[in-house]
Amino acid sequence: MRTLDLGCGSNKTEGALGADLTKGSDADVIVNFDQFYYPFKDSSFDHIIFNHVIEHLTNVPQVMEEICRICSPNGIL
């Protein structure tokens, strides 16, 4: 199972690929979640962790569309 921790900050989930806006974070990939499209292929992840991020976004509907794009068909958010 491939896991993505979106907005991992300094507490990335063990075994996950971490993505965050902050360069000093535990992120493996720096991503601005309000700029589209994210640098991942369609259906790349089976599990996406998205804790304490949504309240910081300016375009929640488009972010959710992008998460749906990168999550596998039977994936878990």
PDB file of N, CA and C in Angstrom:
ATOM      1  N   MET A   1       0.842  -1.170   0.000  1.00  0.00           N
ATOM      2  CA  MET A   1       0.000   0.000   0.000  1.00  0.00           C
ATOM      3  C   MET A   1       0.894   1.242   0.000  1.00  0.00           C
ATOM      4  N   ARG A   2       0.598   2.186  -0.855  1.00  0.00           N
ATOM      5  CA  ARG A   2       1.363   3.431  -0.938  1.00  0.00           C
ATOM      6  C   ARG A   2       0.585   4.531  -0.214  1.00  0.00           C
ATOM      7  N   THR A   3       1.247   5.162   0.764  1.00  0.00           N
ATOM      8  CA  THR A   3       0.609   6.172   1.605  1.00  0.00           C
ATOM      9  C   THR A   3       1.228   7.540   1.369  1.00  0.00           C
ATOM     10  N   LEU A   4       0.377   8.559   1.294  1.00  0.00           N
ATOM     11  CA  LEU A   4       0.811   9.947   1.170  1.00  0.00           C
ATOM     12  C   LEU A   4       0.325  10.708   2.390  1.00  0.00           C
ATOM     13  N   ASP A   5       1.229  11.400   3.053  1.00  0.00           N
ATOM     14  CA  ASP A   5       0.887  12.249   4.194  1.00  0.00           C
ATOM     15  C   ASP A   5       0.930  13.699   3.712  1.00  0.00           C
ATOM     16  N   LEU A   6      -0.240  14.234   3.335  1.00  0.00           N
ATOM     17  CA  LEU A   6      -0.346  15.612   2.837  1.00  0.00           C
ATOM     18  C   LEU A   6      -0.366  16.575   4.015  1.00  0.00           C
ATOM     19  N   GLY A   7       0.544  17.505   4.017  1.00  0.00           N
ATOM     20  CA  GLY A   7       0.641  18.445   5.124  1.00  0.00           C
ATOM     21  C   GLY A   7       1.283  17.808   6.335  1.00  0.00           C
ATOM     22  N   CYS A   8       2.314  17.013   6.094  1.00  0.00           N
ATOM     23  CA  CYS A   8       2.936  16.223   7.163  1.00  0.00           C
ATOM     24  C   CYS A   8       3.611  17.070   8.233  1.00  0.00           C
ATOM     25  N   GLY A   9       4.047  18.269   7.880  1.00  0.00           N
ATOM     26  CA  GLY A   9       4.748  19.106   8.856  1.00  0.00           C
ATOM     27  C   GLY A   9       5.982  18.407   9.385  1.00  0.00           C
ATOM     28  N   SER A  10       6.187  18.484  10.680  1.00  0.00           N
ATOM     29  CA  SER A  10       7.361  17.843  11.292  1.00  0.00           C
ATOM     30  C   SER A  10       7.000  16.512  11.934  1.00  0.00           C
ATOM     31  N   ASN A  11       5.849  15.947  11.535  1.00  0.00           N
ATOM     32  CA  ASN A  11       5.380  14.698  12.141  1.00  0.00           C
ATOM     33  C   ASN A  11       4.888  13.737  11.060  1.00  0.00           C
ATOM     34  N   LYS A  12       5.739  13.448  10.086  1.00  0.00           N
ATOM     35  CA  LYS A  12       5.367  12.575   8.969  1.00  0.00           C
ATOM     36  C   LYS A  12       5.058  11.169   9.465  1.00  0.00           C
ATOM     37  N   THR A  13       3.998  10.593   8.926  1.00  0.00           N
ATOM     38  CA  THR A  13       3.615   9.222   9.246  1.00  0.00           C
ATOM     39  C   THR A  13       4.690   8.259   8.762  1.00  0.00           C
ATOM     40  N   GLU A  14       5.081   7.342   9.626  1.00  0.00           N
ATOM     41  CA  GLU A  14       6.127   6.374   9.285  1.00  0.00           C
ATOM     42  C   GLU A  14       5.716   5.552   8.068  1.00  0.00           C
ATOM     43  N   GLY A  15       6.602   5.445   7.104  1.00  0.00           N
ATOM     44  CA  GLY A  15       6.359   4.666   5.895  1.00  0.00           C
ATOM     45  C   GLY A  15       5.646   5.428   4.791  1.00  0.00           C
ATOM     46  N   ALA A  16       5.214   6.648   5.078  1.00  0.00           N
ATOM     47  CA  ALA A  16       4.486   7.449   4.088  1.00  0.00           C
ATOM     48  C   ALA A  16       5.433   8.369   3.334  1.00  0.00           C
ATOM     49  N   LEU A  17       5.007   8.767   2.158  1.00  0.00           N
ATOM     50  CA  LEU A  17       5.670   9.846   1.438  1.00  0.00           C
ATOM     51  C   LEU A  17       5.086  11.131   2.010  1.00  0.00           C
ATOM     52  N   GLY A  18       5.927  12.018   2.477  1.00  0.00           N
ATOM     53  CA  GLY A  18       5.456  13.260   3.078  1.00  0.00           C
ATOM     54  C   GLY A  18       5.452  14.400   2.090  1.00  0.00           C
ATOM     55  N   ALA A  19       4.390  15.196   2.120  1.00  0.00           N
ATOM     56  CA  ALA A  19       4.291  16.392   1.285  1.00  0.00           C
ATOM     57  C   ALA A  19       3.869  17.555   2.169  1.00  0.00           C
ATOM     58  N   ASP A  20       4.564  18.671   2.010  1.00  0.00           N
ATOM     59  CA  ASP A  20       4.249  19.845   2.822  1.00  0.00           C
ATOM     60  C   ASP A  20       4.723  21.095   2.093  1.00  0.00           C
ATOM     61  N   LEU A  21       4.196  22.233   2.493  1.00  0.00           N
ATOM     62  CA  LEU A  21       4.588  23.523   1.931  1.00  0.00           C
ATOM     63  C   LEU A  21       5.901  24.012   2.531  1.00  0.00           C
ATOM     64  N   THR A  22       6.168  23.626   3.769  1.00  0.00           N
ATOM     65  CA  THR A  22       7.306  24.148   4.520  1.00  0.00           C
ATOM     66  C   THR A  22       8.588  23.377   4.232  1.00  0.00           C
ATOM     67  N   LYS A  23       9.617  24.089   3.842  1.00  0.00           N
ATOM     68  CA  LYS A  23      10.895  23.449   3.513  1.00  0.00           C
ATOM     69  C   LYS A  23      11.582  22.839   4.725  1.00  0.00           C
ATOM     70  N   GLY A  24      11.342  23.338   5.921  1.00  0.00           N
ATOM     71  CA  GLY A  24      11.964  22.798   7.123  1.00  0.00           C
ATOM     72  C   GLY A  24      11.198  21.642   7.736  1.00  0.00           C
ATOM     73  N   SER A  25      10.203  21.139   7.032  1.00  0.00           N
ATOM     74  CA  SER A  25       9.370  20.046   7.543  1.00  0.00           C
ATOM     75  C   SER A  25      10.018  18.692   7.262  1.00  0.00           C
ATOM     76  N   ASP A  26       9.304  17.623   7.601  1.00  0.00           N
ATOM     77  CA  ASP A  26       9.759  16.257   7.307  1.00  0.00           C
ATOM     78  C   ASP A  26       9.390  15.826   5.885  1.00  0.00           C
ATOM     79  N   ALA A  27       8.921  16.743   5.070  1.00  0.00           N
ATOM     80  CA  ALA A  27       8.414  16.419   3.731  1.00  0.00           C
ATOM     81  C   ALA A  27       9.490  15.866   2.811  1.00  0.00           C
ATOM     82  N   ASP A  28       9.076  14.884   2.017  1.00  0.00           N
ATOM     83  CA  ASP A  28       9.914  14.359   0.940  1.00  0.00           C
ATOM     84  C   ASP A  28       9.729  15.206  -0.315  1.00  0.00           C
ATOM     85  N   VAL A  29       8.549  15.829  -0.422  1.00  0.00           N
ATOM     86  CA  VAL A  29       8.190  16.647  -1.577  1.00  0.00           C
ATOM     87  C   VAL A  29       7.580  17.956  -1.064  1.00  0.00           C
ATOM     88  N   ILE A  30       8.046  19.082  -1.582  1.00  0.00           N
ATOM     89  CA  ILE A  30       7.470  20.377  -1.228  1.00  0.00           C
ATOM     90  C   ILE A  30       6.342  20.680  -2.214  1.00  0.00           C
ATOM     91  N   VAL A  31       5.139  20.907  -1.678  1.00  0.00           N
ATOM     92  CA  VAL A  31       3.955  21.135  -2.505  1.00  0.00           C
ATOM     93  C   VAL A  31       3.155  22.300  -1.926  1.00  0.00           C
ATOM     94  N   ASN A  32       2.781  23.245  -2.776  1.00  0.00           N
ATOM     95  CA  ASN A  32       1.839  24.285  -2.383  1.00  0.00           C
ATOM     96  C   ASN A  32       0.457  23.737  -2.723  1.00  0.00           C
ATOM     97  N   PHE A  33      -0.337  23.423  -1.719  1.00  0.00           N
ATOM     98  CA  PHE A  33      -1.614  22.755  -1.938  1.00  0.00           C
ATOM     99  C   PHE A  33      -2.647  23.630  -2.642  1.00  0.00           C
ATOM    100  N   ASP A  34      -2.398  24.929  -2.735  1.00  0.00           N
ATOM    101  CA  ASP A  34      -3.300  25.818  -3.458  1.00  0.00           C
ATOM    102  C   ASP A  34      -2.858  26.064  -4.895  1.00  0.00           C
ATOM    103  N   GLN A  35      -1.818  25.356  -5.346  1.00  0.00           N
ATOM    104  CA  GLN A  35      -1.387  25.424  -6.747  1.00  0.00           C
ATOM    105  C   GLN A  35      -1.602  24.052  -7.373  1.00  0.00           C
ATOM    106  N   PHE A  36      -2.228  24.042  -8.518  1.00  0.00           N
ATOM    107  CA  PHE A  36      -2.625  22.777  -9.141  1.00  0.00           C
ATOM    108  C   PHE A  36      -1.884  22.611 -10.454  1.00  0.00           C
ATOM    109  N   TYR A  37      -1.511  21.463 -10.768  1.00  0.00           N
ATOM    110  CA  TYR A  37      -1.794  20.132 -10.283  1.00  0.00           C
ATOM    111  C   TYR A  37      -0.625  19.628  -9.450  1.00  0.00           C
ATOM    112  N   TYR A  38      -0.926  18.734  -8.490  1.00  0.00           N
ATOM    113  CA  TYR A  38       0.122  18.202  -7.627  1.00  0.00           C
ATOM    114  C   TYR A  38       1.046  17.295  -8.439  1.00  0.00           C
ATOM    115  N   PRO A  39       2.301  17.179  -8.024  1.00  0.00           N
ATOM    116  CA  PRO A  39       3.297  16.438  -8.820  1.00  0.00           C
ATOM    117  C   PRO A  39       3.229  14.918  -8.644  1.00  0.00           C
ATOM    118  N   PHE A  40       2.013  14.370  -8.717  1.00  0.00           N
ATOM    119  CA  PHE A  40       1.824  12.929  -8.577  1.00  0.00           C
ATOM    120  C   PHE A  40       0.936  12.439  -9.714  1.00  0.00           C
ATOM    121  N   LYS A  41       1.165  11.210 -10.148  1.00  0.00           N
ATOM    122  CA  LYS A  41       0.359  10.610 -11.210  1.00  0.00           C
ATOM    123  C   LYS A  41      -1.027  10.251 -10.685  1.00  0.00           C
ATOM    124  N   ASP A  42      -1.971  10.101 -11.597  1.00  0.00           N
ATOM    125  CA  ASP A  42      -3.320   9.660 -11.248  1.00  0.00           C
ATOM    126  C   ASP A  42      -3.254   8.330 -10.500  1.00  0.00           C
ATOM    127  N   SER A  43      -4.103   8.172  -9.508  1.00  0.00           N
ATOM    128  CA  SER A  43      -4.247   6.921  -8.745  1.00  0.00           C
ATOM    129  C   SER A  43      -2.934   6.444  -8.135  1.00  0.00           C
ATOM    130  N   SER A  44      -2.102   7.367  -7.692  1.00  0.00           N
ATOM    131  CA  SER A  44      -0.778   7.022  -7.155  1.00  0.00           C
ATOM    132  C   SER A  44      -0.799   6.448  -5.745  1.00  0.00           C
ATOM    133  N   PHE A  45      -1.840   6.754  -4.964  1.00  0.00           N
ATOM    134  CA  PHE A  45      -1.817   6.404  -3.545  1.00  0.00           C
ATOM    135  C   PHE A  45      -3.064   5.637  -3.130  1.00  0.00           C
ATOM    136  N   ASP A  46      -2.858   4.651  -2.249  1.00  0.00           N
ATOM    137  CA  ASP A  46      -3.957   3.854  -1.705  1.00  0.00           C
ATOM    138  C   ASP A  46      -4.504   4.461  -0.419  1.00  0.00           C
ATOM    139  N   HIS A  47      -3.690   5.280   0.224  1.00  0.00           N
ATOM    140  CA  HIS A  47      -4.056   5.865   1.516  1.00  0.00           C
ATOM    141  C   HIS A  47      -3.496   7.286   1.556  1.00  0.00           C
ATOM    142  N   ILE A  48      -4.363   8.251   1.795  1.00  0.00           N
ATOM    143  CA  ILE A  48      -3.922   9.641   1.900  1.00  0.00           C
ATOM    144  C   ILE A  48      -4.310  10.173   3.271  1.00  0.00           C
ATOM    145  N   ILE A  49      -3.318  10.632   4.000  1.00  0.00           N
ATOM    146  CA  ILE A  49      -3.515  11.229   5.320  1.00  0.00           C
ATOM    147  C   ILE A  49      -3.525  12.741   5.124  1.00  0.00           C
ATOM    148  N   PHE A  50      -4.518  13.402   5.713  1.00  0.00           N
ATOM    149  CA  PHE A  50      -4.755  14.820   5.455  1.00  0.00           C
ATOM    150  C   PHE A  50      -5.239  15.483   6.744  1.00  0.00           C
ATOM    151  N   ASN A  51      -4.366  15.550   7.751  1.00  0.00           N
ATOM    152  CA  ASN A  51      -4.741  16.054   9.075  1.00  0.00           C
ATOM    153  C   ASN A  51      -4.380  17.522   9.262  1.00  0.00           C
ATOM    154  N   HIS A  52      -5.330  18.293   9.771  1.00  0.00           N
ATOM    155  CA  HIS A  52      -5.115  19.701  10.139  1.00  0.00           C
ATOM    156  C   HIS A  52      -4.586  20.540   8.975  1.00  0.00           C
ATOM    157  N   VAL A  53      -5.133  20.315   7.792  1.00  0.00           N
ATOM    158  CA  VAL A  53      -4.690  21.036   6.598  1.00  0.00           C
ATOM    159  C   VAL A  53      -5.825  21.850   5.984  1.00  0.00           C
ATOM    160  N   ILE A  54      -7.005  21.288   5.937  1.00  0.00           N
ATOM    161  CA  ILE A  54      -8.106  21.880   5.177  1.00  0.00           C
ATOM    162  C   ILE A  54      -8.421  23.317   5.603  1.00  0.00           C
ATOM    163  N   GLU A  55      -8.241  23.624   6.873  1.00  0.00           N
ATOM    164  CA  GLU A  55      -8.559  24.974   7.351  1.00  0.00           C
ATOM    165  C   GLU A  55      -7.570  26.031   6.849  1.00  0.00           C
ATOM    166  N   HIS A  56      -6.455  25.592   6.282  1.00  0.00           N
ATOM    167  CA  HIS A  56      -5.441  26.513   5.766  1.00  0.00           C
ATOM    168  C   HIS A  56      -5.554  26.748   4.258  1.00  0.00           C
ATOM    169  N   LEU A  57      -6.499  26.082   3.607  1.00  0.00           N
ATOM    170  CA  LEU A  57      -6.613  26.136   2.151  1.00  0.00           C
ATOM    171  C   LEU A  57      -7.533  27.250   1.683  1.00  0.00           C
ATOM    172  N   THR A  58      -7.282  27.765   0.489  1.00  0.00           N
ATOM    173  CA  THR A  58      -8.144  28.801  -0.072  1.00  0.00           C
ATOM    174  C   THR A  58      -9.143  28.249  -1.085  1.00  0.00           C
ATOM    175  N   ASN A  59      -8.879  27.068  -1.666  1.00  0.00           N
ATOM    176  CA  ASN A  59      -9.764  26.498  -2.680  1.00  0.00           C
ATOM    177  C   ASN A  59     -10.024  25.023  -2.356  1.00  0.00           C
ATOM    178  N   VAL A  60     -10.809  24.795  -1.317  1.00  0.00           N
ATOM    179  CA  VAL A  60     -11.052  23.434  -0.829  1.00  0.00           C
ATOM    180  C   VAL A  60     -11.652  22.525  -1.903  1.00  0.00           C
ATOM    181  N   PRO A  61     -12.662  22.952  -2.682  1.00  0.00           N
ATOM    182  CA  PRO A  61     -13.210  22.052  -3.698  1.00  0.00           C
ATOM    183  C   PRO A  61     -12.162  21.562  -4.701  1.00  0.00           C
ATOM    184  N   GLN A  62     -11.292  22.441  -5.163  1.00  0.00           N
ATOM    185  CA  GLN A  62     -10.285  22.010  -6.133  1.00  0.00           C
ATOM    186  C   GLN A  62      -9.237  21.115  -5.474  1.00  0.00           C
ATOM    187  N   VAL A  63      -8.898  21.386  -4.229  1.00  0.00           N
ATOM    188  CA  VAL A  63      -7.966  20.511  -3.505  1.00  0.00           C
ATOM    189  C   VAL A  63      -8.563  19.110  -3.396  1.00  0.00           C
ATOM    190  N   MET A  64      -9.849  19.013  -3.075  1.00  0.00           N
ATOM    191  CA  MET A  64     -10.485  17.705  -2.954  1.00  0.00           C
ATOM    192  C   MET A  64     -10.526  16.987  -4.302  1.00  0.00           C
ATOM    193  N   GLU A  65     -10.742  17.718  -5.386  1.00  0.00           N
ATOM    194  CA  GLU A  65     -10.690  17.109  -6.722  1.00  0.00           C
ATOM    195  C   GLU A  65      -9.303  16.550  -7.001  1.00  0.00           C
ATOM    196  N   GLU A  66      -8.291  17.293  -6.612  1.00  0.00           N
ATOM    197  CA  GLU A  66      -6.914  16.857  -6.836  1.00  0.00           C
ATOM    198  C   GLU A  66      -6.591  15.630  -5.985  1.00  0.00           C
ATOM    199  N   ILE A  67      -7.075  15.599  -4.760  1.00  0.00           N
ATOM    200  CA  ILE A  67      -6.873  14.428  -3.904  1.00  0.00           C
ATOM    201  C   ILE A  67      -7.562  13.212  -4.519  1.00  0.00           C
ATOM    202  N   CYS A  68      -8.765  13.400  -5.043  1.00  0.00           N
ATOM    203  CA  CYS A  68      -9.468  12.293  -5.707  1.00  0.00           C
ATOM    204  C   CYS A  68      -8.697  11.806  -6.925  1.00  0.00           C
ATOM    205  N   ARG A  69      -8.048  12.699  -7.626  1.00  0.00           N
ATOM    206  CA  ARG A  69      -7.263  12.321  -8.809  1.00  0.00           C
ATOM    207  C   ARG A  69      -6.078  11.440  -8.429  1.00  0.00           C
ATOM    208  N   ILE A  70      -5.379  11.774  -7.356  1.00  0.00           N
ATOM    209  CA  ILE A  70      -4.162  11.034  -7.004  1.00  0.00           C
ATOM    210  C   ILE A  70      -4.431   9.813  -6.133  1.00  0.00           C
ATOM    211  N   CYS A  71      -5.648   9.698  -5.612  1.00  0.00           N
ATOM    212  CA  CYS A  71      -6.011   8.545  -4.785  1.00  0.00           C
ATOM    213  C   CYS A  71      -6.508   7.406  -5.688  1.00  0.00           C
ATOM    214  N   SER A  72      -6.130   6.183  -5.369  1.00  0.00           N
ATOM    215  CA  SER A  72      -6.574   5.035  -6.160  1.00  0.00           C
ATOM    216  C   SER A  72      -8.090   4.865  -6.029  1.00  0.00           C
ATOM    217  N   PRO A  73      -8.738   4.161  -6.970  1.00  0.00           N
ATOM    218  CA  PRO A  73     -10.196   4.021  -6.950  1.00  0.00           C
ATOM    219  C   PRO A  73     -10.764   3.490  -5.633  1.00  0.00           C
ATOM    220  N   ASN A  74     -10.072   2.609  -4.970  1.00  0.00           N
ATOM    221  CA  ASN A  74     -10.545   2.081  -3.688  1.00  0.00           C
ATOM    222  C   ASN A  74      -9.737   2.638  -2.525  1.00  0.00           C
ATOM    223  N   GLY A  75      -9.095   3.769  -2.757  1.00  0.00           N
ATOM    224  CA  GLY A  75      -8.235   4.373  -1.749  1.00  0.00           C
ATOM    225  C   GLY A  75      -9.002   4.949  -0.573  1.00  0.00           C
ATOM    226  N   ILE A  76      -8.268   5.238   0.477  1.00  0.00           N
ATOM    227  CA  ILE A  76      -8.838   5.750   1.722  1.00  0.00           C
ATOM    228  C   ILE A  76      -8.242   7.120   2.010  1.00  0.00           C
ATOM    229  N   LEU A  77      -9.103   8.074   2.333  1.00  0.00           N
ATOM    230  CA  LEU A  77      -8.663   9.408   2.734  1.00  0.00           C
ATOM    231  C   LEU A  77      -8.912   9.540   4.215  1.00  0.00           C
TER     232      LEU A  77
END
